[in-house]
Every structure is written in C-alpha cells, then in structure tokens.
Amino acid sequence: MTEAPVRLRDFVEAIAEGDRSAMEHLYRATSDKLYGVALRILRRPELAREALADAYVRIWREAADYAPVLLDPMSWLVMHARRASFDIARRRSEIGHEEMAEVADQTAGTEDEATQREISAELRQLLGCLAQLSPDPRLMLLLAYYDGWSHRELAIEFDAPPGTIRTWMLRGLEQVRECTGP
C-alpha cells in the first residue's frame, strides 16, 4: 500500500540530505507501484527491474530538486520510473505504438465507457500517426508531451542543441497534425 503523500515528501526531503534509511523506507513504500509502472511500459520483468533500479538511482540523485509545490511525491516518483522505462525502451527498441496504446488504455481516467471508447479511438489514431515518425522524433514527442521533458532535457538526452530539438519536434508535430487531420 502506498504511503501518505506527506510521509513520502518527508522521505524525499530526508534523501536530499543523504539519509540512506529514508531511501530504504521510500523503496519499501513505493517499489511495488513503480515496478508496476515499469512493467506496463516494458512488458518484461527483467527490463522492469532494470528500470526500477535506474529510477531509484535518479530519485537519489535528484531528491534535492524535488518541488512539492509542482508535483505530489508519488507523481514525481512515477515520473522517474516512466523516464527510466522509456530510456531502456529506447536503448533496446523494445516498445512500439501498440504497447503505448495499451499503456494509455490502462492509465485512462474514470470517464464513462462511451467517453473512454472515444478517447481510446482518438489515442489509437494519434499513436498510429506517431508510429509513422522516425524513432528519435517519436520518442522526443512522447517524452515532451507524455512525460513533460523540457527542450533542455531533450537536448541532453539526444546530444543535440536545443534549437535543433525544437526544429525536430516542430517537424514531428507537423507530421502528426497532417496524419490526424483537422
């Protein structure tokens, strides 16, 4: 069961100060959920375990940057698990648009069934259009719009200047717009 947000925030703040026992507590409190996130994305337990380990390393390193005003603790933790999973997927080319559609379907909100079907159809169309992009532009758009990565973060990840990242993303967005229609 997930810890209360205040308790998780306390753990993250203690981790920012180098408290290893807080990291152990955080891991025990959240690892099942974060593993589930990674497994839904990667579909392979060994890759999900690798993503989980990567996520906790990131959490340890970036705890001092956590801003509770912007994100609740569990969302921040899930963001790290998703980023680590997508990084592994990108390195291993293990994730396709069908898998992304399934992930999106599983994480859909609590709308009524008709609304969910409509959203699901639109999402499948969007994911089909994304699948037509080259792997790097597709991943950039997913990281930017699905995970909230900044141009600067993308520039570091893809080893390209921010202006180039903007250009690639604009081209990718234009291709997606053309594919999805008005």
C-alpha atoms as a PDB file:
ATOM      1  CA  MET A   1       0.000   0.000   0.000  1.00  0.00           C
ATOM      2  CA  THR A   2       1.226   3.479  -0.844  1.00  0.00           C
ATOM      3  CA  GLU A   3       2.338   5.799   1.928  1.00  0.00           C
ATOM      4  CA  ALA A   4       0.552   9.100   2.528  1.00  0.00           C
ATOM      5  CA  PRO A   5       1.894  11.977   0.373  1.00  0.00           C
ATOM      6  CA  VAL A   6       3.208  13.842   3.425  1.00  0.00           C
ATOM      7  CA  ARG A   7       5.215  10.804   4.524  1.00  0.00           C
ATOM      8  CA  LEU A   8       6.621  10.329   1.002  1.00  0.00           C
ATOM      9  CA  ARG A   9       7.555  14.003   0.876  1.00  0.00           C
ATOM     10  CA  ASP A  10       9.359  13.606   4.208  1.00  0.00           C
ATOM     11  CA  PHE A  11      11.285  10.642   2.804  1.00  0.00           C
ATOM     12  CA  VAL A  12      12.305  12.581  -0.317  1.00  0.00           C
ATOM     13  CA  GLU A  13      13.409  15.564   1.774  1.00  0.00           C
ATOM     14  CA  ALA A  14      15.491  13.277   4.000  1.00  0.00           C
ATOM     15  CA  ILE A  15      17.001  11.604   0.921  1.00  0.00           C
ATOM     16  CA  ALA A  16      18.001  15.049  -0.352  1.00  0.00           C
ATOM     17  CA  GLU A  17      20.053  15.358   2.831  1.00  0.00           C
ATOM     18  CA  GLY A  18      21.718  11.984   2.191  1.00  0.00           C
ATOM     19  CA  ASP A  19      19.625   9.861   4.574  1.00  0.00           C
ATOM     20  CA  ARG A  20      20.048   6.246   3.378  1.00  0.00           C
ATOM     21  CA  SER A  21      17.441   4.872   5.764  1.00  0.00           C
ATOM     22  CA  ALA A  22      14.867   7.236   4.252  1.00  0.00           C
ATOM     23  CA  MET A  23      15.750   5.765   0.860  1.00  0.00           C
ATOM     24  CA  GLU A  24      15.136   2.274   2.210  1.00  0.00           C
ATOM     25  CA  HIS A  25      11.766   3.357   3.622  1.00  0.00           C
ATOM     26  CA  LEU A  26      10.811   5.059   0.375  1.00  0.00           C
ATOM     27  CA  TYR A  27      11.785   1.980  -1.598  1.00  0.00           C
ATOM     28  CA  ARG A  28       9.702  -0.318   0.623  1.00  0.00           C
ATOM     29  CA  ALA A  29       6.741   2.045   0.423  1.00  0.00           C
ATOM     30  CA  THR A  30       6.772   2.622  -3.342  1.00  0.00           C
ATOM     31  CA  SER A  31       8.708  -0.084  -5.190  1.00  0.00           C
ATOM     32  CA  ASP A  32       5.662  -2.247  -5.948  1.00  0.00           C
ATOM     33  CA  LYS A  33       3.846   0.627  -7.622  1.00  0.00           C
ATOM     34  CA  LEU A  34       6.897   1.841  -9.539  1.00  0.00           C
ATOM     35  CA  TYR A  35       7.691  -1.700 -10.669  1.00  0.00           C
ATOM     36  CA  GLY A  36       4.110  -1.953 -11.968  1.00  0.00           C
ATOM     37  CA  VAL A  37       4.577   1.275 -13.937  1.00  0.00           C
ATOM     38  CA  ALA A  38       7.804  -0.015 -15.473  1.00  0.00           C
ATOM     39  CA  LEU A  39       6.309  -3.429 -16.243  1.00  0.00           C
ATOM     40  CA  ARG A  40       3.294  -1.886 -18.022  1.00  0.00           C
ATOM     41  CA  ILE A  41       5.666   0.054 -20.258  1.00  0.00           C
ATOM     42  CA  LEU A  42       8.373  -2.542 -20.847  1.00  0.00           C
ATOM     43  CA  ARG A  43       6.319  -5.767 -20.660  1.00  0.00           C
ATOM     44  CA  ARG A  44       9.329  -7.774 -19.490  1.00  0.00           C
ATOM     45  CA  PRO A  45      10.089  -8.330 -15.792  1.00  0.00           C
ATOM     46  CA  GLU A  46      13.869  -8.197 -16.202  1.00  0.00           C
ATOM     47  CA  LEU A  47      13.645  -4.852 -18.021  1.00  0.00           C
ATOM     48  CA  ALA A  48      11.154  -3.548 -15.462  1.00  0.00           C
ATOM     49  CA  ARG A  49      13.563  -4.449 -12.650  1.00  0.00           C
ATOM     50  CA  GLU A  50      16.355  -2.638 -14.500  1.00  0.00           C
ATOM     51  CA  ALA A  51      14.134   0.426 -14.919  1.00  0.00           C
ATOM     52  CA  LEU A  52      13.194   0.308 -11.248  1.00  0.00           C
ATOM     53  CA  ALA A  53      16.850   0.317 -10.214  1.00  0.00           C
ATOM     54  CA  ASP A  54      17.572   3.196 -12.615  1.00  0.00           C
ATOM     55  CA  ALA A  55      14.587   5.112 -11.270  1.00  0.00           C
ATOM     56  CA  TYR A  56      15.754   4.870  -7.666  1.00  0.00           C
ATOM     57  CA  VAL A  57      19.246   5.986  -8.633  1.00  0.00           C
ATOM     58  CA  ARG A  58      17.658   9.042 -10.290  1.00  0.00           C
ATOM     59  CA  ILE A  59      15.485   9.632  -7.255  1.00  0.00           C
ATOM     60  CA  TRP A  60      18.553   9.542  -5.002  1.00  0.00           C
ATOM     61  CA  ARG A  61      20.453  11.956  -7.245  1.00  0.00           C
ATOM     62  CA  GLU A  62      17.570  14.354  -7.876  1.00  0.00           C
ATOM     63  CA  ALA A  63      15.866  14.399  -4.485  1.00  0.00           C
ATOM     64  CA  ALA A  64      17.231  17.883  -3.771  1.00  0.00           C
ATOM     65  CA  ASP A  65      15.472  19.152  -6.922  1.00  0.00           C
ATOM     66  CA  TYR A  66      12.044  17.862  -5.885  1.00  0.00           C
ATOM     67  CA  ALA A  67       9.486  20.688  -5.700  1.00  0.00           C
ATOM     68  CA  PRO A  68       6.390  19.604  -3.733  1.00  0.00           C
ATOM     69  CA  VAL A  69       4.530  22.695  -4.902  1.00  0.00           C
ATOM     70  CA  LEU A  70       4.693  21.450  -8.511  1.00  0.00           C
ATOM     71  CA  LEU A  71       4.114  17.718  -8.088  1.00  0.00           C
ATOM     72  CA  ASP A  72       2.877  15.405  -5.390  1.00  0.00           C
ATOM     73  CA  PRO A  73       5.534  12.923  -4.282  1.00  0.00           C
ATOM     74  CA  MET A  74       4.045   9.832  -5.928  1.00  0.00           C
ATOM     75  CA  SER A  75       3.685  11.622  -9.266  1.00  0.00           C
ATOM     76  CA  TRP A  76       7.315  12.679  -9.042  1.00  0.00           C
ATOM     77  CA  LEU A  77       8.369   9.104  -8.282  1.00  0.00           C
ATOM     78  CA  VAL A  78       6.239   7.694 -11.111  1.00  0.00           C
ATOM     79  CA  MET A  79       7.757  10.264 -13.474  1.00  0.00           C
ATOM     80  CA  HIS A  80      11.206   8.866 -12.671  1.00  0.00           C
ATOM     81  CA  ALA A  81      10.045   5.285 -13.184  1.00  0.00           C
ATOM     82  CA  ARG A  82       8.500   6.187 -16.535  1.00  0.00           C
ATOM     83  CA  ARG A  83      11.570   8.083 -17.691  1.00  0.00           C
ATOM     84  CA  ALA A  84      13.827   5.193 -16.738  1.00  0.00           C
ATOM     85  CA  SER A  85      11.499   2.778 -18.547  1.00  0.00           C
ATOM     86  CA  PHE A  86      11.386   4.869 -21.696  1.00  0.00           C
ATOM     87  CA  ASP A  87      15.165   5.231 -21.628  1.00  0.00           C
ATOM     88  CA  ILE A  88      15.541   1.458 -21.507  1.00  0.00           C
ATOM     89  CA  ALA A  89      12.911   1.007 -24.197  1.00  0.00           C
ATOM     90  CA  ARG A  90      14.693   3.493 -26.418  1.00  0.00           C
ATOM     91  CA  ARG A  91      18.054   1.824 -25.901  1.00  0.00           C
ATOM     92  CA  ARG A  92      16.627  -1.601 -26.606  1.00  0.00           C
ATOM     93  CA  SER A  93      13.951  -0.581 -29.127  1.00  0.00           C
ATOM     94  CA  GLU A  94      11.516  -2.744 -27.182  1.00  0.00           C
ATOM     95  CA  ILE A  95       8.423  -0.563 -27.254  1.00  0.00           C
ATOM     96  CA  GLY A  96       6.074   0.071 -30.125  1.00  0.00           C
ATOM     97  CA  HIS A  97       2.924   2.071 -30.633  1.00  0.00           C
ATOM     98  CA  GLU A  98       0.639  -0.880 -29.788  1.00  0.00           C
ATOM     99  CA  GLU A  99       2.269  -1.198 -26.391  1.00  0.00           C
ATOM    100  CA  MET A 100       1.956   2.559 -25.843  1.00  0.00           C
ATOM    101  CA  ALA A 101      -1.741   2.318 -26.722  1.00  0.00           C
ATOM    102  CA  GLU A 102      -2.200  -0.438 -24.145  1.00  0.00           C
ATOM    103  CA  VAL A 103      -0.356   1.602 -21.517  1.00  0.00           C
ATOM    104  CA  ALA A 104      -2.536   4.602 -22.279  1.00  0.00           C
ATOM    105  CA  ASP A 105      -5.672   2.452 -22.112  1.00  0.00           C
ATOM    106  CA  GLN A 106      -4.650   1.059 -18.727  1.00  0.00           C
ATOM    107  CA  THR A 107      -3.957   4.505 -17.303  1.00  0.00           C
ATOM    108  CA  ALA A 108      -7.100   6.154 -18.636  1.00  0.00           C
ATOM    109  CA  GLY A 109      -9.158   8.261 -16.244  1.00  0.00           C
ATOM    110  CA  THR A 110     -12.519   7.346 -14.793  1.00  0.00           C
ATOM    111  CA  GLU A 111     -14.697   8.686 -17.609  1.00  0.00           C
ATOM    112  CA  ASP A 112     -17.805   6.750 -18.593  1.00  0.00           C
ATOM    113  CA  GLU A 113     -17.427   3.891 -21.096  1.00  0.00           C
ATOM    114  CA  ALA A 114     -18.564   5.857 -24.166  1.00  0.00           C
ATOM    115  CA  THR A 115     -16.125   8.659 -23.416  1.00  0.00           C
ATOM    116  CA  GLN A 116     -13.329   6.165 -22.819  1.00  0.00           C
ATOM    117  CA  ARG A 117     -14.032   4.443 -26.164  1.00  0.00           C
ATOM    118  CA  GLU A 118     -13.948   7.810 -27.940  1.00  0.00           C
ATOM    119  CA  ILE A 119     -10.718   8.803 -26.219  1.00  0.00           C
ATOM    120  CA  SER A 120      -9.269   5.366 -26.908  1.00  0.00           C
ATOM    121  CA  ALA A 121     -10.077   5.639 -30.643  1.00  0.00           C
ATOM    122  CA  GLU A 122      -8.507   9.100 -30.819  1.00  0.00           C
ATOM    123  CA  LEU A 123      -5.496   7.884 -28.877  1.00  0.00           C
ATOM    124  CA  ARG A 124      -5.055   4.889 -31.177  1.00  0.00           C
ATOM    125  CA  GLN A 125      -5.181   7.228 -34.180  1.00  0.00           C
ATOM    126  CA  LEU A 126      -2.603   9.504 -32.566  1.00  0.00           C
ATOM    127  CA  LEU A 127      -0.356   6.580 -31.683  1.00  0.00           C
ATOM    128  CA  GLY A 128      -0.675   5.242 -35.224  1.00  0.00           C
ATOM    129  CA  CYS A 129       0.470   8.619 -36.511  1.00  0.00           C
ATOM    130  CA  LEU A 130       3.339   8.687 -34.022  1.00  0.00           C
ATOM    131  CA  ALA A 131       4.374   5.237 -35.243  1.00  0.00           C
ATOM    132  CA  GLN A 132       4.959   6.734 -38.690  1.00  0.00           C
ATOM    133  CA  LEU A 133       7.668   9.015 -37.311  1.00  0.00           C
ATOM    134  CA  SER A 134      11.306   8.018 -37.084  1.00  0.00           C
ATOM    135  CA  PRO A 135      12.234   6.585 -33.660  1.00  0.00           C
ATOM    136  CA  ASP A 136      14.054   9.643 -32.268  1.00  0.00           C
ATOM    137  CA  PRO A 137      11.398  12.266 -33.146  1.00  0.00           C
ATOM    138  CA  ARG A 138       8.674   9.918 -31.893  1.00  0.00           C
ATOM    139  CA  LEU A 139      10.472   9.421 -28.591  1.00  0.00           C
ATOM    140  CA  MET A 140      11.119  13.173 -28.265  1.00  0.00           C
ATOM    141  CA  LEU A 141       7.424  13.949 -28.651  1.00  0.00           C
ATOM    142  CA  LEU A 142       6.433  11.238 -26.187  1.00  0.00           C
ATOM    143  CA  LEU A 143       8.981  12.405 -23.628  1.00  0.00           C
ATOM    144  CA  ALA A 144       7.982  16.047 -24.061  1.00  0.00           C
ATOM    145  CA  TYR A 145       4.211  15.656 -24.076  1.00  0.00           C
ATOM    146  CA  TYR A 146       3.717  12.446 -22.118  1.00  0.00           C
ATOM    147  CA  ASP A 147       6.452  12.903 -19.514  1.00  0.00           C
ATOM    148  CA  GLY A 148       6.905  16.683 -19.516  1.00  0.00           C
ATOM    149  CA  TRP A 149      10.563  16.812 -20.559  1.00  0.00           C
ATOM    150  CA  SER A 150      11.913  20.255 -21.395  1.00  0.00           C
ATOM    151  CA  HIS A 151      13.834  21.134 -24.567  1.00  0.00           C
ATOM    152  CA  ARG A 152      16.964  21.325 -22.431  1.00  0.00           C
ATOM    153  CA  GLU A 153      16.443  17.815 -21.049  1.00  0.00           C
ATOM    154  CA  LEU A 154      15.787  16.501 -24.546  1.00  0.00           C
ATOM    155  CA  ALA A 155      18.905  18.257 -25.847  1.00  0.00           C
ATOM    156  CA  ILE A 156      20.979  16.458 -23.226  1.00  0.00           C
ATOM    157  CA  GLU A 157      19.318  13.102 -23.858  1.00  0.00           C
ATOM    158  CA  PHE A 158      19.650  13.305 -27.651  1.00  0.00           C
ATOM    159  CA  ASP A 159      23.006  15.092 -27.620  1.00  0.00           C
ATOM    160  CA  ALA A 160      21.802  17.938 -29.836  1.00  0.00           C
ATOM    161  CA  PRO A 161      21.448  21.722 -29.410  1.00  0.00           C
ATOM    162  CA  PRO A 162      18.076  22.919 -28.031  1.00  0.00           C
ATOM    163  CA  GLY A 163      17.331  24.742 -31.296  1.00  0.00           C
ATOM    164  CA  THR A 164      17.754  21.514 -33.225  1.00  0.00           C
ATOM    165  CA  ILE A 165      15.479  19.726 -30.772  1.00  0.00           C
ATOM    166  CA  ARG A 166      12.809  22.417 -31.290  1.00  0.00           C
ATOM    167  CA  THR A 167      13.091  22.036 -35.065  1.00  0.00           C
ATOM    168  CA  TRP A 168      12.850  18.238 -34.913  1.00  0.00           C
ATOM    169  CA  MET A 169       9.857  18.445 -32.599  1.00  0.00           C
ATOM    170  CA  LEU A 170       8.076  21.004 -34.782  1.00  0.00           C
ATOM    171  CA  ARG A 171       8.600  18.787 -37.833  1.00  0.00           C
ATOM    172  CA  GLY A 172       7.346  15.777 -35.909  1.00  0.00           C
ATOM    173  CA  LEU A 173       4.286  17.677 -34.671  1.00  0.00           C
ATOM    174  CA  GLU A 174       3.536  18.841 -38.196  1.00  0.00           C
ATOM    175  CA  GLN A 175       3.673  15.250 -39.441  1.00  0.00           C
ATOM    176  CA  VAL A 176       1.340  14.158 -36.654  1.00  0.00           C
ATOM    177  CA  ARG A 177      -1.082  17.026 -37.432  1.00  0.00           C
ATOM    178  CA  GLU A 178      -1.132  16.082 -41.115  1.00  0.00           C
ATOM    179  CA  CYS A 179      -1.810  12.464 -40.213  1.00  0.00           C
ATOM    180  CA  THR A 180      -4.586  13.144 -37.684  1.00  0.00           C
ATOM    181  CA  GLY A 181      -6.357  15.743 -39.815  1.00  0.00           C
ATOM    182  CA  PRO A 182      -8.318  18.725 -38.534  1.00  0.00           C
END
